[in-house]
Amino acid sequence: MVDKNKMDLLKDKFINAKSEKERESVREEMRQMCDDDAVSVATLAVEQIKETHAEIDAYLIRKQMEDILPCISLAYIAETYFKKSRQWLYQRVNGLLVNGKPARFTPEEIETLNFALQDMGQRLATTRIS
């Protein structure tokens, strides 16, 4: 029987393999699983790909904001633009676990974050001290 835990363990084993021989051993296990239940293996592999894609998206958000994070108040952005707590925003920016799952931005929340950054940038750009 193919299950998600076994697939995740095999993925980690492949990623952390120290030699081509170890990788070939994982490939052989995968071939065996495919021979037993190819549909389940394919379904779980697609799920793993989606999870990896979500992890990359979260990393990219953090990476894109890396230079400005020391300069801005995430608490201000969270409260002003999202009407949420600063912890809520920190969880999403950092991809922290919430109820056992990594916190992620929805597409609408990404739009709100982009609007917040642009709005704050415009306000900074037009502010002049006399």
Foldseek 3Di string as FASTA:
>chain_A
DDDLVVVVVLVVQCVPPPDVVSNVVSVVVLVVVCVVPVVVSVVSVVVVVVVVVQVVVLVVLLVVCVVCVVPDDLQCLCCPQVVHGSVLVVQANNQNDDPRGGDHDDPVRVVSVVVSVVVVVVVVVPDDDD
